[in-house]
């Protein structure tokens, strides 16, 4: 990253960009409060580094050249110091805005989804979550209604007037799914499906990227980098739990540390999925509130009108009454934190 002097002119900034581009690299102007920086998100060949360093350091208006060793660049606050705000329709996520995405694990029928959608919207959710394609551990488990499920999802969303998020699992389905949903979700199993990441990025749709169960923070942010480097800046991260030490009690272990750590190192909004994080409805409210207190930009919660009849993930789904109660608790926690976060 090239840090410009406070008095650097626009002509000097553009000259630095041109010098970087002459070496076949990408230049990214990063406006700051007092000075401008120019980032180089491209991989720089080792033999070019000293040459480029010397060249740029000698240019007019340059204060210093800083080497960033993080494996991710565009996802880093080094390149983008201010919070990214993702805009989906009338909803903004990140930068102090908070969003709740809620609904059933899977679309099962028009009646089921309509009941769920009306319940979550009435309780205050801004986005309806529901899966049409359901990759499961067992091939004998319910795999989702697929295209029919997307048709139902779009119909219900229009009737209820609510935005939607749904998982895409195949790069070949990205363009088709982009016609039906507002946010494309990349599931935990697909976090490092790089052709899928590239296709999702090129769709232009906002993307919700879930963390794989055994992924490090660098691997997770590296996956986000694929989306960013292919031109999609509307990226959200989703912590959904990592491999637990003991599966006797929980499905996963929600890594609450991820919220402050990611927010410190990255500008991307971070959403927390407490449903998958613990895997049991009885624990979901407590973990959801912990995520709010930790500073999460939103929650992704499974809600089913009749969890005991759910075709997938019923055990971790809240019923509408429990969800409405949780939403009231979320509002109370956010209100209690507001005086501390606005100072």
C-alpha atoms as a PDB file:
ATOM      1  CA  UNK A   1       0.000   0.000   0.000  1.00  0.00           C
ATOM      2  CA  UNK A   2       1.309   3.442  -0.952  1.00  0.00           C
ATOM      3  CA  UNK A   3       0.566   6.077   1.689  1.00  0.00           C
ATOM      4  CA  UNK A   4       0.409   9.523   0.116  1.00  0.00           C
ATOM      5  CA  UNK A   5       1.412  12.761   1.845  1.00  0.00           C
ATOM      6  CA  UNK A   6      -1.368  14.918   3.259  1.00  0.00           C
ATOM      7  CA  UNK A   7      -0.682  17.610   0.658  1.00  0.00           C
ATOM      8  CA  UNK A   8      -0.533  15.158  -2.283  1.00  0.00           C
ATOM      9  CA  UNK A   9      -2.370  16.411  -5.352  1.00  0.00           C
ATOM     10  CA  UNK A  10      -4.836  14.465  -7.466  1.00  0.00           C
ATOM     11  CA  UNK A  11      -2.267  14.518 -10.289  1.00  0.00           C
ATOM     12  CA  UNK A  12       0.345  12.874  -8.034  1.00  0.00           C
ATOM     13  CA  UNK A  13      -2.146  10.236  -6.883  1.00  0.00           C
ATOM     14  CA  UNK A  14      -3.017   9.370 -10.478  1.00  0.00           C
ATOM     15  CA  UNK A  15       0.673   9.227 -11.382  1.00  0.00           C
ATOM     16  CA  UNK A  16       1.200   6.610  -8.671  1.00  0.00           C
ATOM     17  CA  UNK A  17      -1.758   4.608 -10.009  1.00  0.00           C
ATOM     18  CA  UNK A  18      -0.324   4.768 -13.516  1.00  0.00           C
ATOM     19  CA  UNK A  19       3.092   3.593 -12.297  1.00  0.00           C
ATOM     20  CA  UNK A  20       1.507   0.586 -10.585  1.00  0.00           C
ATOM     21  CA  UNK A  21      -0.550  -0.285 -13.652  1.00  0.00           C
ATOM     22  CA  UNK A  22       2.522  -0.092 -15.888  1.00  0.00           C
ATOM     23  CA  UNK A  23       3.772  -3.189 -14.053  1.00  0.00           C
ATOM     24  CA  UNK A  24       0.568  -5.072 -14.855  1.00  0.00           C
ATOM     25  CA  UNK A  25      -0.857  -4.610 -11.363  1.00  0.00           C
ATOM     26  CA  UNK A  26      -4.155  -3.213 -10.155  1.00  0.00           C
ATOM     27  CA  UNK A  27      -4.239   0.125  -8.309  1.00  0.00           C
ATOM     28  CA  UNK A  28      -7.010   0.950  -5.846  1.00  0.00           C
ATOM     29  CA  UNK A  29      -7.421   4.516  -4.537  1.00  0.00           C
ATOM     30  CA  UNK A  30      -8.380   4.492  -0.842  1.00  0.00           C
ATOM     31  CA  UNK A  31      -9.602   7.902   0.363  1.00  0.00           C
ATOM     32  CA  UNK A  32      -8.983   8.543   4.068  1.00  0.00           C
ATOM     33  CA  UNK A  33      -9.818  11.180   6.631  1.00  0.00           C
ATOM     34  CA  UNK A  34      -6.552  13.127   6.313  1.00  0.00           C
ATOM     35  CA  UNK A  35      -4.727  11.490   3.432  1.00  0.00           C
ATOM     36  CA  UNK A  36      -5.173   9.136   0.514  1.00  0.00           C
ATOM     37  CA  UNK A  37      -3.593   5.718   0.112  1.00  0.00           C
ATOM     38  CA  UNK A  38      -3.235   3.643  -3.025  1.00  0.00           C
ATOM     39  CA  UNK A  39      -3.612  -0.086  -2.524  1.00  0.00           C
ATOM     40  CA  UNK A  40      -2.212  -2.871  -4.703  1.00  0.00           C
ATOM     41  CA  UNK A  41      -4.547  -5.863  -4.219  1.00  0.00           C
ATOM     42  CA  UNK A  42      -2.767  -7.860  -6.923  1.00  0.00           C
ATOM     43  CA  UNK A  43      -0.159 -10.489  -6.086  1.00  0.00           C
ATOM     44  CA  UNK A  44       3.270  -8.919  -6.587  1.00  0.00           C
ATOM     45  CA  UNK A  45       6.048 -11.220  -7.899  1.00  0.00           C
ATOM     46  CA  UNK A  46       8.942 -11.403  -5.386  1.00  0.00           C
ATOM     47  CA  UNK A  47      11.497 -10.133  -7.896  1.00  0.00           C
ATOM     48  CA  UNK A  48       9.315  -7.100  -8.658  1.00  0.00           C
ATOM     49  CA  UNK A  49       8.841  -5.998  -5.042  1.00  0.00           C
ATOM     50  CA  UNK A  50      12.175  -4.167  -4.515  1.00  0.00           C
ATOM     51  CA  UNK A  51      11.975  -2.509  -7.940  1.00  0.00           C
ATOM     52  CA  UNK A  52       8.414  -1.333  -7.371  1.00  0.00           C
ATOM     53  CA  UNK A  53       9.197  -0.246  -3.817  1.00  0.00           C
ATOM     54  CA  UNK A  54      12.104   1.927  -4.967  1.00  0.00           C
ATOM     55  CA  UNK A  55      10.143   3.364  -7.893  1.00  0.00           C
ATOM     56  CA  UNK A  56       7.074   4.326  -5.871  1.00  0.00           C
ATOM     57  CA  UNK A  57       9.006   5.638  -2.862  1.00  0.00           C
ATOM     58  CA  UNK A  58      10.786   8.162  -5.091  1.00  0.00           C
ATOM     59  CA  UNK A  59       7.606   9.566  -6.634  1.00  0.00           C
ATOM     60  CA  UNK A  60       6.264  13.014  -5.799  1.00  0.00           C
ATOM     61  CA  UNK A  61       3.566  13.034  -3.154  1.00  0.00           C
ATOM     62  CA  UNK A  62       4.454   9.620  -1.702  1.00  0.00           C
ATOM     63  CA  UNK A  63       5.039   9.418   2.043  1.00  0.00           C
ATOM     64  CA  UNK A  64       5.861   5.724   2.416  1.00  0.00           C
ATOM     65  CA  UNK A  65       5.290   2.267   0.931  1.00  0.00           C
ATOM     66  CA  UNK A  66       3.826  -0.252   3.373  1.00  0.00           C
ATOM     67  CA  UNK A  67       3.986  -4.008   2.794  1.00  0.00           C
ATOM     68  CA  UNK A  68       0.836  -5.892   3.841  1.00  0.00           C
ATOM     69  CA  UNK A  69       1.438  -9.554   4.548  1.00  0.00           C
ATOM     70  CA  UNK A  70      -2.174 -10.649   5.088  1.00  0.00           C
ATOM     71  CA  UNK A  71      -3.318 -13.306   2.600  1.00  0.00           C
ATOM     72  CA  UNK A  72      -6.472 -11.253   1.987  1.00  0.00           C
ATOM     73  CA  UNK A  73      -6.302  -7.653   0.782  1.00  0.00           C
ATOM     74  CA  UNK A  74      -9.666  -6.259  -0.292  1.00  0.00           C
ATOM     75  CA  UNK A  75     -11.409  -7.785   2.733  1.00  0.00           C
ATOM     76  CA  UNK A  76      -8.915  -6.131   5.084  1.00  0.00           C
ATOM     77  CA  UNK A  77      -9.383  -2.840   6.909  1.00  0.00           C
ATOM     78  CA  UNK A  78      -5.873  -1.963   5.713  1.00  0.00           C
ATOM     79  CA  UNK A  79      -7.386  -1.437   2.277  1.00  0.00           C
ATOM     80  CA  UNK A  80     -10.887  -0.409   3.364  1.00  0.00           C
ATOM     81  CA  UNK A  81     -10.861   1.224   6.823  1.00  0.00           C
ATOM     82  CA  UNK A  82     -14.570   2.059   6.972  1.00  0.00           C
ATOM     83  CA  UNK A  83     -17.409  -0.445   7.460  1.00  0.00           C
ATOM     84  CA  UNK A  84     -18.993  -1.751   4.292  1.00  0.00           C
ATOM     85  CA  UNK A  85     -22.737  -1.179   4.123  1.00  0.00           C
ATOM     86  CA  UNK A  86     -24.543  -3.779   2.047  1.00  0.00           C
ATOM     87  CA  UNK A  87     -27.731  -2.495   0.443  1.00  0.00           C
ATOM     88  CA  UNK A  88     -30.485  -4.958  -0.391  1.00  0.00           C
ATOM     89  CA  UNK A  89     -33.602  -3.223  -1.604  1.00  0.00           C
ATOM     90  CA  UNK A  90     -34.601  -0.816   1.161  1.00  0.00           C
ATOM     91  CA  UNK A  91     -32.508  -2.638   3.799  1.00  0.00           C
ATOM     92  CA  UNK A  92     -28.965  -1.632   4.799  1.00  0.00           C
ATOM     93  CA  UNK A  93     -26.636  -4.035   6.625  1.00  0.00           C
ATOM     94  CA  UNK A  94     -23.422  -3.071   8.405  1.00  0.00           C
ATOM     95  CA  UNK A  95     -22.038   0.208   9.701  1.00  0.00           C
ATOM     96  CA  UNK A  96     -24.290   0.147  12.747  1.00  0.00           C
ATOM     97  CA  UNK A  97     -27.344  -1.123  10.876  1.00  0.00           C
ATOM     98  CA  UNK A  98     -28.764  -4.395  12.179  1.00  0.00           C
ATOM     99  CA  UNK A  99     -30.795  -6.973  10.271  1.00  0.00           C
ATOM    100  CA  UNK A 100     -32.603 -10.182  11.144  1.00  0.00           C
ATOM    101  CA  UNK A 101     -33.040 -12.873   8.485  1.00  0.00           C
ATOM    102  CA  UNK A 102     -35.499 -15.553   9.548  1.00  0.00           C
ATOM    103  CA  UNK A 103     -37.582 -18.391   8.195  1.00  0.00           C
ATOM    104  CA  UNK A 104     -37.615 -22.149   7.752  1.00  0.00           C
ATOM    105  CA  UNK A 105     -34.614 -24.237   6.812  1.00  0.00           C
ATOM    106  CA  UNK A 106     -36.424 -25.340   3.667  1.00  0.00           C
ATOM    107  CA  UNK A 107     -39.409 -24.435   1.549  1.00  0.00           C
ATOM    108  CA  UNK A 108     -41.838 -27.314   2.062  1.00  0.00           C
ATOM    109  CA  UNK A 109     -45.074 -25.903   0.639  1.00  0.00           C
ATOM    110  CA  UNK A 110     -46.744 -22.611  -0.184  1.00  0.00           C
ATOM    111  CA  UNK A 111     -48.856 -22.800   2.980  1.00  0.00           C
ATOM    112  CA  UNK A 112     -45.863 -23.509   5.244  1.00  0.00           C
ATOM    113  CA  UNK A 113     -43.721 -20.728   3.802  1.00  0.00           C
ATOM    114  CA  UNK A 114     -46.541 -18.194   3.723  1.00  0.00           C
ATOM    115  CA  UNK A 115     -47.312 -18.799   7.401  1.00  0.00           C
ATOM    116  CA  UNK A 116     -43.629 -18.547   8.314  1.00  0.00           C
ATOM    117  CA  UNK A 117     -43.049 -15.406   6.254  1.00  0.00           C
ATOM    118  CA  UNK A 118     -45.981 -13.534   7.755  1.00  0.00           C
ATOM    119  CA  UNK A 119     -44.923 -14.540  11.267  1.00  0.00           C
ATOM    120  CA  UNK A 120     -41.286 -13.464  10.959  1.00  0.00           C
ATOM    121  CA  UNK A 121     -42.169 -10.174   9.270  1.00  0.00           C
ATOM    122  CA  UNK A 122     -44.774  -9.384  11.938  1.00  0.00           C
ATOM    123  CA  UNK A 123     -42.096  -9.957  14.588  1.00  0.00           C
ATOM    124  CA  UNK A 124     -39.670  -7.567  12.877  1.00  0.00           C
ATOM    125  CA  UNK A 125     -37.505  -9.644  10.517  1.00  0.00           C
ATOM    126  CA  UNK A 126     -36.515  -7.766   7.366  1.00  0.00           C
ATOM    127  CA  UNK A 127     -35.420 -10.740   5.256  1.00  0.00           C
ATOM    128  CA  UNK A 128     -36.995 -14.176   4.729  1.00  0.00           C
ATOM    129  CA  UNK A 129     -34.599 -17.139   4.691  1.00  0.00           C
ATOM    130  CA  UNK A 130     -35.628 -20.435   3.125  1.00  0.00           C
ATOM    131  CA  UNK A 131     -33.763 -23.124   1.218  1.00  0.00           C
ATOM    132  CA  UNK A 132     -34.870 -24.552  -2.121  1.00  0.00           C
ATOM    133  CA  UNK A 133     -31.742 -26.648  -2.714  1.00  0.00           C
ATOM    134  CA  UNK A 134     -30.761 -28.610   0.385  1.00  0.00           C
ATOM    135  CA  UNK A 135     -27.465 -30.533   0.154  1.00  0.00           C
ATOM    136  CA  UNK A 136     -27.660 -33.034   3.005  1.00  0.00           C
ATOM    137  CA  UNK A 137     -25.220 -35.465   4.557  1.00  0.00           C
ATOM    138  CA  UNK A 138     -27.455 -38.366   3.555  1.00  0.00           C
ATOM    139  CA  UNK A 139     -28.783 -38.698  -0.011  1.00  0.00           C
ATOM    140  CA  UNK A 140     -31.992 -40.099   1.500  1.00  0.00           C
ATOM    141  CA  UNK A 141     -32.768 -36.903   3.421  1.00  0.00           C
ATOM    142  CA  UNK A 142     -35.096 -34.224   2.041  1.00  0.00           C
ATOM    143  CA  UNK A 143     -33.184 -32.421  -0.729  1.00  0.00           C
ATOM    144  CA  UNK A 144     -35.524 -29.439  -1.118  1.00  0.00           C
ATOM    145  CA  UNK A 145     -38.170 -28.569  -3.696  1.00  0.00           C
ATOM    146  CA  UNK A 146     -35.513 -26.954  -5.888  1.00  0.00           C
ATOM    147  CA  UNK A 147     -37.002 -24.913  -8.797  1.00  0.00           C
ATOM    148  CA  UNK A 148     -40.518 -25.353  -7.430  1.00  0.00           C
ATOM    149  CA  UNK A 149     -39.269 -24.116  -4.057  1.00  0.00           C
ATOM    150  CA  UNK A 150     -37.842 -20.988  -5.676  1.00  0.00           C
ATOM    151  CA  UNK A 151     -41.162 -20.323  -7.380  1.00  0.00           C
ATOM    152  CA  UNK A 152     -42.938 -20.570  -4.024  1.00  0.00           C
ATOM    153  CA  UNK A 153     -40.313 -18.392  -2.340  1.00  0.00           C
ATOM    154  CA  UNK A 154     -40.683 -15.629  -4.910  1.00  0.00           C
ATOM    155  CA  UNK A 155     -44.476 -15.781  -4.804  1.00  0.00           C
ATOM    156  CA  UNK A 156     -44.626 -15.579  -1.015  1.00  0.00           C
ATOM    157  CA  UNK A 157     -42.018 -12.804  -0.871  1.00  0.00           C
ATOM    158  CA  UNK A 158     -44.070 -10.668  -3.244  1.00  0.00           C
ATOM    159  CA  UNK A 159     -47.277 -11.296  -1.351  1.00  0.00           C
ATOM    160  CA  UNK A 160     -45.739 -10.523   2.034  1.00  0.00           C
ATOM    161  CA  UNK A 161     -43.424  -7.774   0.694  1.00  0.00           C
ATOM    162  CA  UNK A 162     -40.205  -9.093   2.181  1.00  0.00           C
ATOM    163  CA  UNK A 163     -36.674  -9.613   0.846  1.00  0.00           C
ATOM    164  CA  UNK A 164     -35.204 -13.112   0.492  1.00  0.00           C
ATOM    165  CA  UNK A 165     -32.000 -15.105   0.963  1.00  0.00           C
ATOM    166  CA  UNK A 166     -31.460 -18.678  -0.218  1.00  0.00           C
ATOM    167  CA  UNK A 167     -28.513 -21.005  -0.737  1.00  0.00           C
ATOM    168  CA  UNK A 168     -27.012 -21.692  -4.147  1.00  0.00           C
ATOM    169  CA  UNK A 169     -24.891 -24.829  -4.446  1.00  0.00           C
ATOM    170  CA  UNK A 170     -24.002 -25.096  -8.140  1.00  0.00           C
ATOM    171  CA  UNK A 171     -22.235 -22.454 -10.275  1.00  0.00           C
ATOM    172  CA  UNK A 172     -24.568 -23.371 -13.130  1.00  0.00           C
ATOM    173  CA  UNK A 173     -27.585 -22.331 -11.048  1.00  0.00           C
ATOM    174  CA  UNK A 174     -26.347 -18.874 -10.047  1.00  0.00           C
ATOM    175  CA  UNK A 175     -27.929 -16.876 -12.868  1.00  0.00           C
ATOM    176  CA  UNK A 176     -31.208 -18.713 -12.513  1.00  0.00           C
ATOM    177  CA  UNK A 177     -31.340 -18.232  -8.740  1.00  0.00           C
ATOM    178  CA  UNK A 178     -30.444 -14.561  -9.075  1.00  0.00           C
ATOM    179  CA  UNK A 179     -33.801 -14.115 -10.810  1.00  0.00           C
ATOM    180  CA  UNK A 180     -35.656 -15.459  -7.760  1.00  0.00           C
ATOM    181  CA  UNK A 181     -33.840 -14.232  -4.643  1.00  0.00           C
ATOM    182  CA  UNK A 182     -32.364 -10.985  -3.337  1.00  0.00           C
ATOM    183  CA  UNK A 183     -29.312 -12.460  -1.586  1.00  0.00           C
ATOM    184  CA  UNK A 184     -27.311 -15.509  -2.641  1.00  0.00           C
ATOM    185  CA  UNK A 185     -26.121 -17.629   0.275  1.00  0.00           C
ATOM    186  CA  UNK A 186     -22.930 -19.657  -0.018  1.00  0.00           C
ATOM    187  CA  UNK A 187     -23.290 -22.495   2.461  1.00  0.00           C
ATOM    188  CA  UNK A 188     -20.626 -23.776   4.830  1.00  0.00           C
ATOM    189  CA  UNK A 189     -19.988 -26.836   2.647  1.00  0.00           C
ATOM    190  CA  UNK A 190     -19.372 -24.552  -0.347  1.00  0.00           C
ATOM    191  CA  UNK A 191     -17.157 -21.909   1.258  1.00  0.00           C
ATOM    192  CA  UNK A 192     -14.149 -22.965  -0.805  1.00  0.00           C
ATOM    193  CA  UNK A 193     -16.032 -23.932  -3.942  1.00  0.00           C
ATOM    194  CA  UNK A 194     -14.098 -21.359  -5.927  1.00  0.00           C
ATOM    195  CA  UNK A 195     -16.000 -21.654  -9.242  1.00  0.00           C
ATOM    196  CA  UNK A 196     -19.208 -21.052  -7.244  1.00  0.00           C
ATOM    197  CA  UNK A 197     -17.685 -18.003  -5.526  1.00  0.00           C
ATOM    198  CA  UNK A 198     -16.639 -16.515  -8.854  1.00  0.00           C
ATOM    199  CA  UNK A 199     -20.053 -17.141 -10.416  1.00  0.00           C
ATOM    200  CA  UNK A 200     -21.843 -15.641  -7.412  1.00  0.00           C
ATOM    201  CA  UNK A 201     -19.593 -12.582  -7.510  1.00  0.00           C
ATOM    202  CA  UNK A 202     -20.281 -11.992 -11.186  1.00  0.00           C
ATOM    203  CA  UNK A 203     -24.051 -12.211 -10.626  1.00  0.00           C
ATOM    204  CA  UNK A 204     -23.981  -8.779  -9.019  1.00  0.00           C
ATOM    205  CA  UNK A 205     -26.236 -10.001  -6.216  1.00  0.00           C
ATOM    206  CA  UNK A 206     -25.338  -9.456  -2.552  1.00  0.00           C
ATOM    207  CA  UNK A 207     -23.689 -12.605  -1.163  1.00  0.00           C
ATOM    208  CA  UNK A 208     -23.883 -14.117   2.323  1.00  0.00           C
ATOM    209  CA  UNK A 209     -20.768 -16.269   2.826  1.00  0.00           C
ATOM    210  CA  UNK A 210     -20.950 -18.881   5.575  1.00  0.00           C
ATOM    211  CA  UNK A 211     -17.851 -20.110   7.350  1.00  0.00           C
ATOM    212  CA  UNK A 212     -16.938 -23.766   6.879  1.00  0.00           C
ATOM    213  CA  UNK A 213     -16.954 -25.815  10.126  1.00  0.00           C
ATOM    214  CA  UNK A 214     -13.159 -26.164  10.218  1.00  0.00           C
ATOM    215  CA  UNK A 215     -12.126 -22.973   8.438  1.00  0.00           C
ATOM    216  CA  UNK A 216      -9.667 -20.514   9.949  1.00  0.00           C
ATOM    217  CA  UNK A 217     -10.398 -16.800   9.835  1.00  0.00           C
ATOM    218  CA  UNK A 218      -7.816 -16.361   7.067  1.00  0.00           C
ATOM    219  CA  UNK A 219      -9.409 -19.129   4.980  1.00  0.00           C
ATOM    220  CA  UNK A 220     -12.843 -17.589   5.475  1.00  0.00           C
ATOM    221  CA  UNK A 221     -11.667 -14.107   4.525  1.00  0.00           C
ATOM    222  CA  UNK A 222      -9.715 -15.633   1.650  1.00  0.00           C
ATOM    223  CA  UNK A 223     -12.981 -17.030   0.298  1.00  0.00           C
ATOM    224  CA  UNK A 224     -14.520 -13.569   0.631  1.00  0.00           C
ATOM    225  CA  UNK A 225     -11.541 -12.226  -1.314  1.00  0.00           C
ATOM    226  CA  UNK A 226     -12.646 -14.310  -4.318  1.00  0.00           C
ATOM    227  CA  UNK A 227     -15.976 -12.467  -4.285  1.00  0.00           C
ATOM    228  CA  UNK A 228     -14.353  -9.062  -3.881  1.00  0.00           C
ATOM    229  CA  UNK A 229     -11.659  -9.535  -6.524  1.00  0.00           C
ATOM    230  CA  UNK A 230     -14.338 -10.388  -9.070  1.00  0.00           C
ATOM    231  CA  UNK A 231     -16.068  -7.080  -8.578  1.00  0.00           C
ATOM    232  CA  UNK A 232     -18.756  -7.808  -5.992  1.00  0.00           C
ATOM    233  CA  UNK A 233     -18.461  -5.462  -3.010  1.00  0.00           C
ATOM    234  CA  UNK A 234     -21.818  -6.496  -1.506  1.00  0.00           C
ATOM    235  CA  UNK A 235     -20.408  -9.301   0.646  1.00  0.00           C
ATOM    236  CA  UNK A 236     -21.495 -10.410   4.125  1.00  0.00           C
ATOM    237  CA  UNK A 237     -19.838 -13.014   6.311  1.00  0.00           C
ATOM    238  CA  UNK A 238     -21.816 -15.519   8.396  1.00  0.00           C
ATOM    239  CA  UNK A 239     -20.484 -17.320  11.481  1.00  0.00           C
ATOM    240  CA  UNK A 240     -22.470 -20.552  11.869  1.00  0.00           C
ATOM    241  CA  UNK A 241     -20.430 -22.597  14.295  1.00  0.00           C
ATOM    242  CA  UNK A 242     -17.280 -24.679  14.140  1.00  0.00           C
ATOM    243  CA  UNK A 243     -16.609 -28.349  14.860  1.00  0.00           C
ATOM    244  CA  UNK A 244     -17.460 -28.968  18.531  1.00  0.00           C
ATOM    245  CA  UNK A 245     -15.410 -30.934  21.027  1.00  0.00           C
ATOM    246  CA  UNK A 246     -18.548 -32.732  22.233  1.00  0.00           C
ATOM    247  CA  UNK A 247     -21.541 -33.330  19.946  1.00  0.00           C
ATOM    248  CA  UNK A 248     -23.533 -34.849  22.789  1.00  0.00           C
ATOM    249  CA  UNK A 249     -25.038 -31.485  23.681  1.00  0.00           C
ATOM    250  CA  UNK A 250     -24.662 -29.211  20.651  1.00  0.00           C
ATOM    251  CA  UNK A 251     -24.504 -29.526  16.875  1.00  0.00           C
ATOM    252  CA  UNK A 252     -21.625 -27.048  16.567  1.00  0.00           C
ATOM    253  CA  UNK A 253     -19.747 -24.584  18.731  1.00  0.00           C
ATOM    254  CA  UNK A 254     -20.662 -21.028  17.864  1.00  0.00           C
ATOM    255  CA  UNK A 255     -17.410 -19.058  17.704  1.00  0.00           C
ATOM    256  CA  UNK A 256     -18.546 -15.823  19.330  1.00  0.00           C
ATOM    257  CA  UNK A 257     -14.922 -14.636  19.153  1.00  0.00           C
ATOM    258  CA  UNK A 258     -15.377 -14.372  15.402  1.00  0.00           C
ATOM    259  CA  UNK A 259     -17.581 -11.306  15.759  1.00  0.00           C
ATOM    260  CA  UNK A 260     -15.077  -8.894  17.360  1.00  0.00           C
ATOM    261  CA  UNK A 261     -12.079 -10.468  15.622  1.00  0.00           C
ATOM    262  CA  UNK A 262     -13.570 -10.198  12.136  1.00  0.00           C
ATOM    263  CA  UNK A 263     -14.899  -6.697  12.787  1.00  0.00           C
ATOM    264  CA  UNK A 264     -11.394  -5.614  13.841  1.00  0.00           C
ATOM    265  CA  UNK A 265      -9.623  -7.067  10.814  1.00  0.00           C
ATOM    266  CA  UNK A 266     -12.300  -6.734   8.126  1.00  0.00           C
ATOM    267  CA  UNK A 267     -14.802  -4.108   7.050  1.00  0.00           C
ATOM    268  CA  UNK A 268     -17.362  -6.671   5.874  1.00  0.00           C
ATOM    269  CA  UNK A 269     -20.603  -7.074   7.859  1.00  0.00           C
ATOM    270  CA  UNK A 270     -20.761 -10.205   9.989  1.00  0.00           C
ATOM    271  CA  UNK A 271     -24.009 -12.093  10.521  1.00  0.00           C
ATOM    272  CA  UNK A 272     -24.390 -14.835  13.139  1.00  0.00           C
ATOM    273  CA  UNK A 273     -26.432 -18.015  12.662  1.00  0.00           C
ATOM    274  CA  UNK A 274     -27.260 -19.228  16.189  1.00  0.00           C
ATOM    275  CA  UNK A 275     -29.550 -21.986  14.877  1.00  0.00           C
ATOM    276  CA  UNK A 276     -26.738 -23.965  13.284  1.00  0.00           C
ATOM    277  CA  UNK A 277     -24.329 -22.665  15.901  1.00  0.00           C
ATOM    278  CA  UNK A 278     -25.897 -24.776  18.640  1.00  0.00           C
ATOM    279  CA  UNK A 279     -28.422 -26.990  16.858  1.00  0.00           C
ATOM    280  CA  UNK A 280     -31.117 -26.955  19.558  1.00  0.00           C
ATOM    281  CA  UNK A 281     -33.946 -24.425  19.751  1.00  0.00           C
ATOM    282  CA  UNK A 282     -33.689 -24.181  23.540  1.00  0.00           C
ATOM    283  CA  UNK A 283     -30.211 -22.652  23.276  1.00  0.00           C
ATOM    284  CA  UNK A 284     -30.778 -20.404  20.275  1.00  0.00           C
ATOM    285  CA  UNK A 285     -32.109 -17.306  22.128  1.00  0.00           C
ATOM    286  CA  UNK A 286     -29.182 -17.134  24.565  1.00  0.00           C
ATOM    287  CA  UNK A 287     -26.585 -17.487  21.818  1.00  0.00           C
ATOM    288  CA  UNK A 288     -28.426 -15.004  19.583  1.00  0.00           C
ATOM    289  CA  UNK A 289     -28.387 -12.387  22.341  1.00  0.00           C
ATOM    290  CA  UNK A 290     -24.698 -13.048  22.969  1.00  0.00           C
ATOM    291  CA  UNK A 291     -24.029 -12.345  19.280  1.00  0.00           C
ATOM    292  CA  UNK A 292     -25.955  -9.073  19.494  1.00  0.00           C
ATOM    293  CA  UNK A 293     -23.936  -8.041  22.562  1.00  0.00           C
ATOM    294  CA  UNK A 294     -20.691  -8.984  20.781  1.00  0.00           C
ATOM    295  CA  UNK A 295     -21.502  -6.528  17.990  1.00  0.00           C
ATOM    296  CA  UNK A 296     -22.861  -8.716  15.182  1.00  0.00           C
ATOM    297  CA  UNK A 297     -24.434  -6.854  12.267  1.00  0.00           C
ATOM    298  CA  UNK A 298     -27.340  -9.276  12.107  1.00  0.00           C
ATOM    299  CA  UNK A 299     -28.748 -12.718  12.794  1.00  0.00           C
ATOM    300  CA  UNK A 300     -29.842 -15.629  10.610  1.00  0.00           C
ATOM    301  CA  UNK A 301     -32.463 -17.632  12.519  1.00  0.00           C
ATOM    302  CA  UNK A 302     -34.480 -20.700  11.598  1.00  0.00           C
ATOM    303  CA  UNK A 303     -38.202 -20.293  12.285  1.00  0.00           C
ATOM    304  CA  UNK A 304     -40.842 -22.865  11.369  1.00  0.00           C
ATOM    305  CA  UNK A 305     -44.601 -22.576  12.037  1.00  0.00           C
ATOM    306  CA  UNK A 306     -44.585 -26.198  13.236  1.00  0.00           C
ATOM    307  CA  UNK A 307     -41.038 -27.341  14.106  1.00  0.00           C
ATOM    308  CA  UNK A 308     -42.211 -30.838  15.020  1.00  0.00           C
ATOM    309  CA  UNK A 309     -43.358 -31.355  11.418  1.00  0.00           C
ATOM    310  CA  UNK A 310     -40.337 -29.788   9.703  1.00  0.00           C
ATOM    311  CA  UNK A 311     -38.717 -31.830   6.945  1.00  0.00           C
ATOM    312  CA  UNK A 312     -35.268 -30.522   7.938  1.00  0.00           C
ATOM    313  CA  UNK A 313     -33.696 -28.921  11.019  1.00  0.00           C
ATOM    314  CA  UNK A 314     -36.895 -28.898  13.060  1.00  0.00           C
ATOM    315  CA  UNK A 315     -35.015 -29.478  16.304  1.00  0.00           C
ATOM    316  CA  UNK A 316     -33.163 -26.166  15.984  1.00  0.00           C
ATOM    317  CA  UNK A 317     -36.083 -24.104  14.658  1.00  0.00           C
ATOM    318  CA  UNK A 318     -37.986 -21.650  16.813  1.00  0.00           C
ATOM    319  CA  UNK A 319     -41.765 -21.495  16.564  1.00  0.00           C
ATOM    320  CA  UNK A 320     -43.305 -18.073  15.774  1.00  0.00           C
ATOM    321  CA  UNK A 321     -44.112 -17.317  19.412  1.00  0.00           C
ATOM    322  CA  UNK A 322     -40.551 -18.026  20.571  1.00  0.00           C
ATOM    323  CA  UNK A 323     -39.167 -15.962  17.704  1.00  0.00           C
ATOM    324  CA  UNK A 324     -41.378 -12.973  18.544  1.00  0.00           C
ATOM    325  CA  UNK A 325     -40.202 -13.168  22.157  1.00  0.00           C
ATOM    326  CA  UNK A 326     -36.569 -13.311  21.035  1.00  0.00           C
ATOM    327  CA  UNK A 327     -37.060 -10.270  18.804  1.00  0.00           C
ATOM    328  CA  UNK A 328     -38.299  -8.312  21.817  1.00  0.00           C
ATOM    329  CA  UNK A 329     -35.215  -9.409  23.772  1.00  0.00           C
ATOM    330  CA  UNK A 330     -32.948  -8.395  20.888  1.00  0.00           C
ATOM    331  CA  UNK A 331     -34.511  -4.932  20.852  1.00  0.00           C
ATOM    332  CA  UNK A 332     -33.935  -4.629  24.613  1.00  0.00           C
ATOM    333  CA  UNK A 333     -30.265  -5.644  24.356  1.00  0.00           C
ATOM    334  CA  UNK A 334     -29.624  -3.258  21.472  1.00  0.00           C
ATOM    335  CA  UNK A 335     -31.343  -0.444  23.362  1.00  0.00           C
ATOM    336  CA  UNK A 336     -29.207  -1.135  26.426  1.00  0.00           C
ATOM    337  CA  UNK A 337     -26.035  -1.088  24.327  1.00  0.00           C
ATOM    338  CA  UNK A 338     -26.930   2.036  22.322  1.00  0.00           C
ATOM    339  CA  UNK A 339     -25.575   4.592  24.848  1.00  0.00           C
ATOM    340  CA  UNK A 340     -22.247   2.720  24.903  1.00  0.00           C
ATOM    341  CA  UNK A 341     -21.882   2.348  21.143  1.00  0.00           C
ATOM    342  CA  UNK A 342     -22.772   5.949  20.267  1.00  0.00           C
ATOM    343  CA  UNK A 343     -20.189   7.626  22.516  1.00  0.00           C
END
